[in-house]
Protein backbone atom coordinates (compact mmCIF):
# COMPACT_ATOMS: atom_id res chain seq x y z
CA UNK A 1 13.81 -5.20 15.82
CA UNK A 2 16.36 -5.79 12.93
CA UNK A 3 19.51 -7.70 13.34
CA UNK A 4 22.89 -5.76 12.62
CA UNK A 5 23.39 -8.04 9.65
CA UNK A 6 20.21 -6.52 8.16
CA UNK A 7 20.78 -3.14 9.38
CA UNK A 8 24.28 -3.60 7.26
CA UNK A 9 22.61 -4.72 4.28
CA UNK A 10 20.20 -2.14 4.24
CA UNK A 11 22.92 0.68 4.65
CA UNK A 12 24.98 -0.68 1.82
CA UNK A 13 22.55 -1.96 -0.54
CA UNK A 14 19.63 0.60 -0.09
CA UNK A 15 17.20 -2.01 0.46
CA UNK A 16 15.98 -5.06 2.28
CA UNK A 17 13.65 -7.63 1.78
CA UNK A 18 11.74 -8.77 5.34
CA UNK A 19 9.19 -11.79 5.44
CA UNK A 20 6.33 -12.28 7.93
CA UNK A 21 6.09 -8.44 8.88
CA UNK A 22 2.27 -8.58 9.19
CA UNK A 23 0.43 -10.95 11.42
CA UNK A 24 -2.20 -13.36 9.57
CA UNK A 25 -4.96 -11.63 11.70
CA UNK A 26 -4.22 -7.84 10.62
CA UNK A 27 -4.04 -9.43 6.90
CA UNK A 28 -7.33 -10.77 7.20
CA UNK A 29 -8.68 -7.63 8.94
CA UNK A 30 -7.22 -5.48 5.76
CA UNK A 31 -8.78 -8.08 3.27
CA UNK A 32 -12.21 -7.67 5.27
CA UNK A 33 -12.13 -3.77 5.33
CA UNK A 34 -11.64 -3.37 1.63
CA UNK A 35 -14.34 -6.23 0.72
CA UNK A 36 -16.82 -3.96 2.49
CA UNK A 37 -15.57 -0.81 0.76
CA UNK A 38 -15.98 -2.86 -2.64
CA UNK A 39 -19.18 -4.06 -1.79
CA UNK A 40 -20.66 -0.77 -1.10
CA UNK A 41 -19.12 0.78 -4.51
CA UNK A 42 -20.33 -2.08 -6.33
CA UNK A 43 -23.73 -1.84 -4.82
CA UNK A 44 -23.83 2.11 -5.73
CA UNK A 45 -22.79 1.35 -9.42
CA UNK A 46 -25.44 -1.68 -9.62
CA UNK A 47 -27.82 0.73 -8.67
CA UNK A 48 -27.02 3.14 -11.53
CA UNK A 49 -27.01 0.22 -13.94
CA UNK A 50 -23.33 0.54 -14.59
CA UNK A 51 -22.68 -2.85 -13.70
CA UNK A 52 -24.71 -6.16 -13.39
CA UNK A 53 -26.39 -6.65 -10.11
CA UNK A 54 -24.12 -8.68 -7.55
CA UNK A 55 -24.64 -12.32 -7.16
CA UNK A 56 -23.75 -14.39 -3.91
CA UNK A 57 -20.70 -15.80 -5.42
CA UNK A 58 -18.82 -12.91 -6.69
CA UNK A 59 -15.72 -12.64 -4.88
CA UNK A 60 -13.88 -9.06 -4.00
CA UNK A 61 -11.81 -10.03 -7.10
CA UNK A 62 -14.54 -10.47 -9.49
CA UNK A 63 -16.21 -7.29 -8.67
CA UNK A 64 -12.71 -5.19 -8.99
CA UNK A 65 -12.53 -6.99 -12.34
CA UNK A 66 -15.82 -5.65 -13.35
CA UNK A 67 -15.11 -2.37 -12.46
CA UNK A 68 -11.61 -2.22 -14.04
CA UNK A 69 -12.93 -3.59 -17.50
CA UNK A 70 -16.06 -1.15 -17.11
CA UNK A 71 -13.58 1.68 -16.79
CA UNK A 72 -14.68 2.98 -13.14
CA UNK A 73 -12.31 4.90 -11.04
CA UNK A 74 -12.12 2.37 -8.00
CA UNK A 75 -8.52 3.18 -7.37
CA UNK A 76 -9.32 6.76 -5.56
CA UNK A 77 -11.95 5.44 -3.18
CA UNK A 78 -9.52 2.98 -2.28
CA UNK A 79 -6.39 5.26 -1.98
CA UNK A 80 -5.00 6.17 1.63
CA UNK A 81 -4.01 9.57 0.29
CA UNK A 82 -5.56 12.48 -2.01
CA UNK A 83 -4.73 12.69 -5.73
CA UNK A 84 -1.94 14.97 -7.12
CA UNK A 85 -4.65 17.72 -8.46
CA UNK A 86 -8.29 18.37 -9.07
CA UNK A 87 -9.16 17.77 -5.27
CA UNK A 88 -12.80 18.63 -4.19
CA UNK A 89 -14.66 18.42 -1.28
CA UNK A 90 -16.13 15.03 -2.63
CA UNK A 91 -12.89 13.57 -3.54
CA UNK A 92 -13.25 10.02 -2.20
CA UNK A 93 -10.40 8.21 -0.36
CA UNK A 94 -10.32 5.23 2.45
CA UNK A 95 -9.35 5.60 6.32
CA UNK A 96 -10.33 2.64 8.09
CA UNK A 97 -9.19 0.93 11.59
CA UNK A 98 -7.66 -2.12 9.87
CA UNK A 99 -5.48 0.17 7.66
CA UNK A 100 -4.78 2.46 10.69
CA UNK A 101 -3.66 -0.73 12.53
CA UNK A 102 -1.30 -1.66 9.59
CA UNK A 103 0.75 2.02 9.38
CA UNK A 104 0.96 1.74 13.37
CA UNK A 105 1.65 -1.55 13.58
CA UNK A 106 4.40 -2.38 16.38
CA UNK A 107 6.28 -4.94 14.08
CA UNK A 108 6.75 -2.47 11.33
CA UNK A 109 7.59 0.39 13.94
CA UNK A 110 10.35 -1.72 15.51
CA UNK A 111 11.71 -2.12 12.37
CA UNK A 112 11.57 1.54 11.50
CA UNK A 113 13.28 2.32 14.69
CA UNK A 114 16.32 0.19 13.93
CA UNK A 115 16.78 2.41 11.12
CA UNK A 116 15.88 6.08 11.54
CA UNK A 117 15.43 5.71 15.50
CA UNK A 118 12.64 5.93 17.97
CA UNK A 119 11.00 9.49 17.04
CA UNK A 120 8.67 8.44 13.90
CA UNK A 121 6.17 10.48 12.25
CA UNK A 122 3.79 8.73 9.43
CA UNK A 123 4.74 10.57 6.38
CA UNK A 124 1.65 11.38 4.16
CA UNK A 125 3.18 10.18 0.80
CA UNK A 126 1.67 6.84 0.87
CA UNK A 127 -0.77 4.81 -1.45
CA UNK A 128 -2.67 1.76 -1.71
CA UNK A 129 -1.39 -0.18 -5.08
CA UNK A 130 -3.72 -2.76 -6.45
CA UNK A 131 -2.40 -3.77 -9.82
CA UNK A 132 -4.84 -5.52 -12.10
CA UNK A 133 -3.39 -8.12 -14.76
CA UNK A 134 -2.20 -5.45 -17.63
CA UNK A 135 -4.31 -7.36 -20.23
CA UNK A 136 -7.61 -6.09 -18.76
CA UNK A 137 -6.40 -2.35 -18.02
CA UNK A 138 -8.04 0.19 -20.19
CA UNK A 139 -5.70 1.64 -22.54
CA UNK A 140 -6.13 5.17 -21.29
CA UNK A 141 -5.22 4.32 -17.68
CA UNK A 142 -1.86 5.68 -16.91
CA UNK A 143 -1.62 6.00 -13.16
CA UNK A 144 1.50 4.46 -11.63
CA UNK A 145 -0.69 3.28 -8.78
CA UNK A 146 -2.67 0.84 -11.13
CA UNK A 147 -0.18 -0.12 -13.84
CA UNK A 148 3.62 -0.63 -14.32
CA UNK A 149 5.58 1.83 -12.33
CA UNK A 150 8.26 3.60 -14.09
CA UNK A 151 11.77 4.10 -12.45
CA UNK A 152 12.03 7.04 -9.68
CA UNK A 153 13.54 7.52 -6.14
CA UNK A 154 11.27 8.35 -3.31
CA UNK A 155 12.97 11.44 -2.83
CA UNK A 156 12.21 12.54 -6.27
CA UNK A 157 8.54 12.45 -5.63
CA UNK A 158 8.81 15.01 -2.53
CA UNK A 159 9.14 18.77 -2.63
CA UNK A 160 12.73 20.15 -2.10
CA UNK A 161 11.64 20.88 1.60
CA UNK A 162 12.30 17.18 2.45
CA UNK A 163 15.83 16.91 0.85
CA UNK A 164 17.57 16.65 4.50
CA UNK A 165 15.04 14.54 5.81
CA UNK A 166 15.41 11.07 7.28
CA UNK A 167 12.78 8.77 6.02
CA UNK A 168 12.17 5.19 4.65
CA UNK A 169 9.59 3.48 2.75
CA UNK A 170 7.82 0.07 3.62
CA UNK A 171 6.35 -1.61 0.58
CA UNK A 172 4.10 -3.92 2.19
CA UNK A 173 2.75 -7.14 0.17
CA UNK A 174 -0.88 -7.69 0.98
CA UNK A 175 -0.70 -10.58 -1.76
CA UNK A 176 2.34 -12.54 -2.80
CA UNK A 177 4.35 -10.02 -5.01
CA UNK A 178 5.94 -12.11 -7.82
CA UNK A 179 7.97 -11.36 -10.80
CA UNK A 180 5.11 -12.70 -12.99
CA UNK A 181 2.57 -10.17 -11.21
CA UNK A 182 4.44 -7.21 -11.02
CA UNK A 183 6.84 -7.28 -7.96
CA UNK A 184 9.46 -4.41 -7.33
CA UNK A 185 12.89 -4.08 -8.71
CA UNK A 186 15.60 -1.99 -7.26
CA UNK A 187 19.20 -0.97 -8.18
CA UNK A 188 21.14 -2.34 -5.24
CA UNK A 189 23.89 -0.23 -3.72
CA UNK A 190 24.18 3.26 -2.15
CA UNK A 191 23.02 6.04 -4.26
CA UNK A 192 23.99 9.24 -2.68
CA UNK A 193 22.52 11.64 -5.48
CA UNK A 194 18.89 12.34 -6.53
CA UNK A 195 18.97 11.77 -10.38
CA UNK A 196 16.91 13.67 -12.85
CA UNK A 197 13.27 12.91 -13.04
CA UNK A 198 10.70 13.97 -15.42
CA UNK A 199 7.20 14.78 -14.56
CA UNK A 200 4.39 13.35 -16.61
CA UNK A 201 1.02 15.53 -16.64
CA UNK A 202 2.10 16.58 -12.80
CA UNK A 203 0.79 13.26 -11.49
CA UNK A 204 3.84 11.10 -11.32
CA UNK A 205 7.69 11.30 -11.95
CA UNK A 206 9.99 9.09 -13.84
CA UNK A 207 13.74 8.61 -14.36
CA UNK A 208 14.76 7.87 -17.80
CA UNK A 209 15.78 4.20 -18.20
CA UNK A 210 19.26 4.87 -19.74
CA UNK A 211 20.37 5.90 -16.38
CA UNK A 212 19.75 2.47 -15.13
CA UNK A 213 19.99 0.21 -17.98
CA UNK A 214 20.92 -3.36 -16.77
CA UNK A 215 20.88 -2.87 -13.10
CA UNK A 216 17.78 -4.05 -12.18
CA UNK A 217 17.28 -6.49 -9.31
CA UNK A 218 13.58 -8.06 -8.64
CA UNK A 219 12.62 -8.49 -5.04
CA UNK A 220 9.62 -10.96 -4.85
CA UNK A 221 7.86 -11.34 -1.54
CA UNK A 222 5.09 -13.28 0.16
CA UNK A 223 2.07 -11.67 1.58
CA UNK A 224 2.45 -10.09 4.97
CA UNK A 225 6.42 -9.41 4.15
CA UNK A 226 7.85 -6.07 2.84
CA UNK A 227 10.57 -4.51 0.78
CA UNK A 228 12.35 -1.57 2.82
CA UNK A 229 14.14 0.84 0.66
CA UNK A 230 16.08 4.19 1.23
CA UNK A 231 14.83 7.54 -0.29
CA UNK A 232 17.38 7.52 -2.77
CA UNK A 233 17.31 4.16 -4.15
CA UNK A 234 15.82 3.80 -7.75
CA UNK A 235 13.05 1.38 -7.88
CA UNK A 236 10.25 0.68 -10.09
CA UNK A 237 7.76 -2.27 -10.66
CA UNK A 238 7.37 -4.81 -13.26
CA UNK A 239 4.36 -5.16 -15.37
CA UNK A 240 1.71 -7.64 -14.25
CA UNK A 241 1.94 -10.33 -16.68
CA UNK A 242 -0.51 -12.87 -14.68
CA UNK A 243 -3.81 -13.36 -14.51
CA UNK A 244 -4.28 -12.39 -11.16
CA UNK A 245 -4.01 -8.86 -9.12
CA UNK A 246 -1.13 -7.72 -7.03
CA UNK A 247 -1.87 -5.69 -3.80
CA UNK A 248 0.54 -3.84 -1.98
CA UNK A 249 0.98 -0.60 0.04
CA UNK A 250 3.42 2.12 0.22
CA UNK A 251 4.22 3.27 3.51
CA UNK A 252 6.57 6.11 4.51
CA UNK A 253 7.75 6.91 7.73
CA UNK A 254 10.32 10.02 8.70
CA UNK A 255 12.06 11.35 11.93
CA UNK A 256 9.45 13.44 13.59
CA UNK A 257 9.99 17.14 13.40
CA UNK A 258 11.67 17.01 9.80
CA UNK A 259 9.87 18.09 6.78
CA UNK A 260 7.74 15.44 4.93
CA UNK A 261 8.04 16.66 1.52
CA UNK A 262 4.09 17.34 1.33
CA UNK A 263 3.14 19.81 3.92
CA UNK A 264 -0.28 20.20 2.91
CA UNK A 265 -1.41 16.65 3.77
CA UNK A 266 -1.70 15.58 7.15
CA UNK A 267 1.22 13.71 9.17
CA UNK A 268 0.97 12.04 12.64
CA UNK A 269 3.23 10.62 15.39
CA UNK A 270 3.25 6.96 15.46
CA UNK A 271 5.93 6.34 17.88
CA UNK A 272 7.72 8.72 20.46
CA UNK A 273 10.22 7.31 23.27
CA UNK A 274 10.66 10.82 24.63
CA UNK A 275 6.89 11.98 24.21
CA UNK A 276 4.59 9.26 23.91
CA UNK A 277 1.54 11.36 24.61
CA UNK A 278 2.05 12.75 21.37
CA UNK A 279 1.28 9.52 19.39
CA UNK A 280 -2.05 9.28 17.61
CA UNK A 281 -3.85 6.24 18.75
CA UNK A 282 -7.47 6.88 17.36
CA UNK A 283 -8.04 5.96 13.73
CA UNK A 284 -11.23 8.47 13.60
CA UNK A 285 -8.68 11.28 14.57
CA UNK A 286 -6.50 10.22 11.38
CA UNK A 287 -9.36 9.99 9.35
CA UNK A 288 -11.02 13.52 10.63
CA UNK A 289 -7.36 15.06 9.75
CA UNK A 290 -7.39 14.15 6.46
CA UNK A 291 -11.26 15.13 5.73
CA UNK A 292 -10.24 18.52 7.08
CA UNK A 293 -7.09 18.79 4.61
CA UNK A 294 -9.23 17.84 1.66
CA UNK A 295 -11.74 20.68 2.53
CA UNK A 296 -8.98 23.17 2.87
CA UNK A 297 -7.16 21.99 -0.27
CA UNK A 298 -10.36 22.15 -2.42
CA UNK A 299 -10.76 25.91 -1.75
CA UNK A 300 -7.22 26.92 -2.28
CA UNK A 301 -4.80 27.57 -5.33
CA UNK A 302 -3.10 24.17 -6.85
CA UNK A 303 -0.41 23.10 -4.61
CA UNK A 304 2.22 21.17 -6.96
CA UNK A 305 3.22 17.90 -5.50
CA UNK A 306 6.31 17.70 -7.53
CA UNK A 307 9.43 19.51 -8.37
CA UNK A 308 10.26 18.36 -12.01
CA UNK A 309 9.41 20.25 -15.23
CA UNK A 310 7.96 18.16 -18.39
CA UNK A 311 10.36 19.86 -20.66
CA UNK A 312 13.81 19.23 -18.73
CA UNK A 313 16.75 18.18 -21.21
CA UNK A 314 17.06 14.93 -19.53
CA UNK A 315 13.29 14.19 -20.53
CA UNK A 316 13.90 14.04 -24.34
């Protein structure tokens, strides 16, 4: 649980940095799960002669760099959500036991309970973020989960149905996040209003910098630590100017029974003091719910994930 001093800081500043949130064992399991995923992806691409055959000394990062520079979409097979558009029955994503154990970590849920109470749902607006060094990213790549993330509020990436939902974001570092490799930056202070955002190709939204000029506060954090922020807190990421990769997850939680802001994606109860039998405890059921959602969405009309137009007067 958080101390009263930490809770007060979150409530007045809109964010909080917490170190040592994940155990070393769970961090190692997440790394191992993603290494296995990368090994399979790379093996498939090598069999198609798209990349050189793997060698025993190639690390996860070596293979990832090969895929990045070759322009393969390694990102979506690693993500823990579906994309904003063009969803088919074959759209890949990643759901595994270590990732599920991270989302349902008792340490994380204790922290969340300190801020929003004991009835907690895993919100489906969540992603993996693996940021390559900016210098190796193909120029055509513009996805915010891979390159520098523009300023936004998390309430700004939900639909209007969630405007009165109590939710928080846990930005969880899997590798050290530094100023050099593109850590988060926030605007401290209590932000009561949703600022105008601009939609960019329907896939991401951004606040124009003029609203936030000169207010950025970087939040570096070690692997296993996290930055927690309120859904109205403006934040972005710096560019990765280092030679290495920066890896994190965005995890969101809301009060159970309140709209998630993306109702066509599956939510699940991670903690309930009043009805513990409602808690989802099997990672395979979690995976199955997303596979079913993918099947339903692939055969339906496109569902917008954001509320913002591309031509608003604030986008000029």
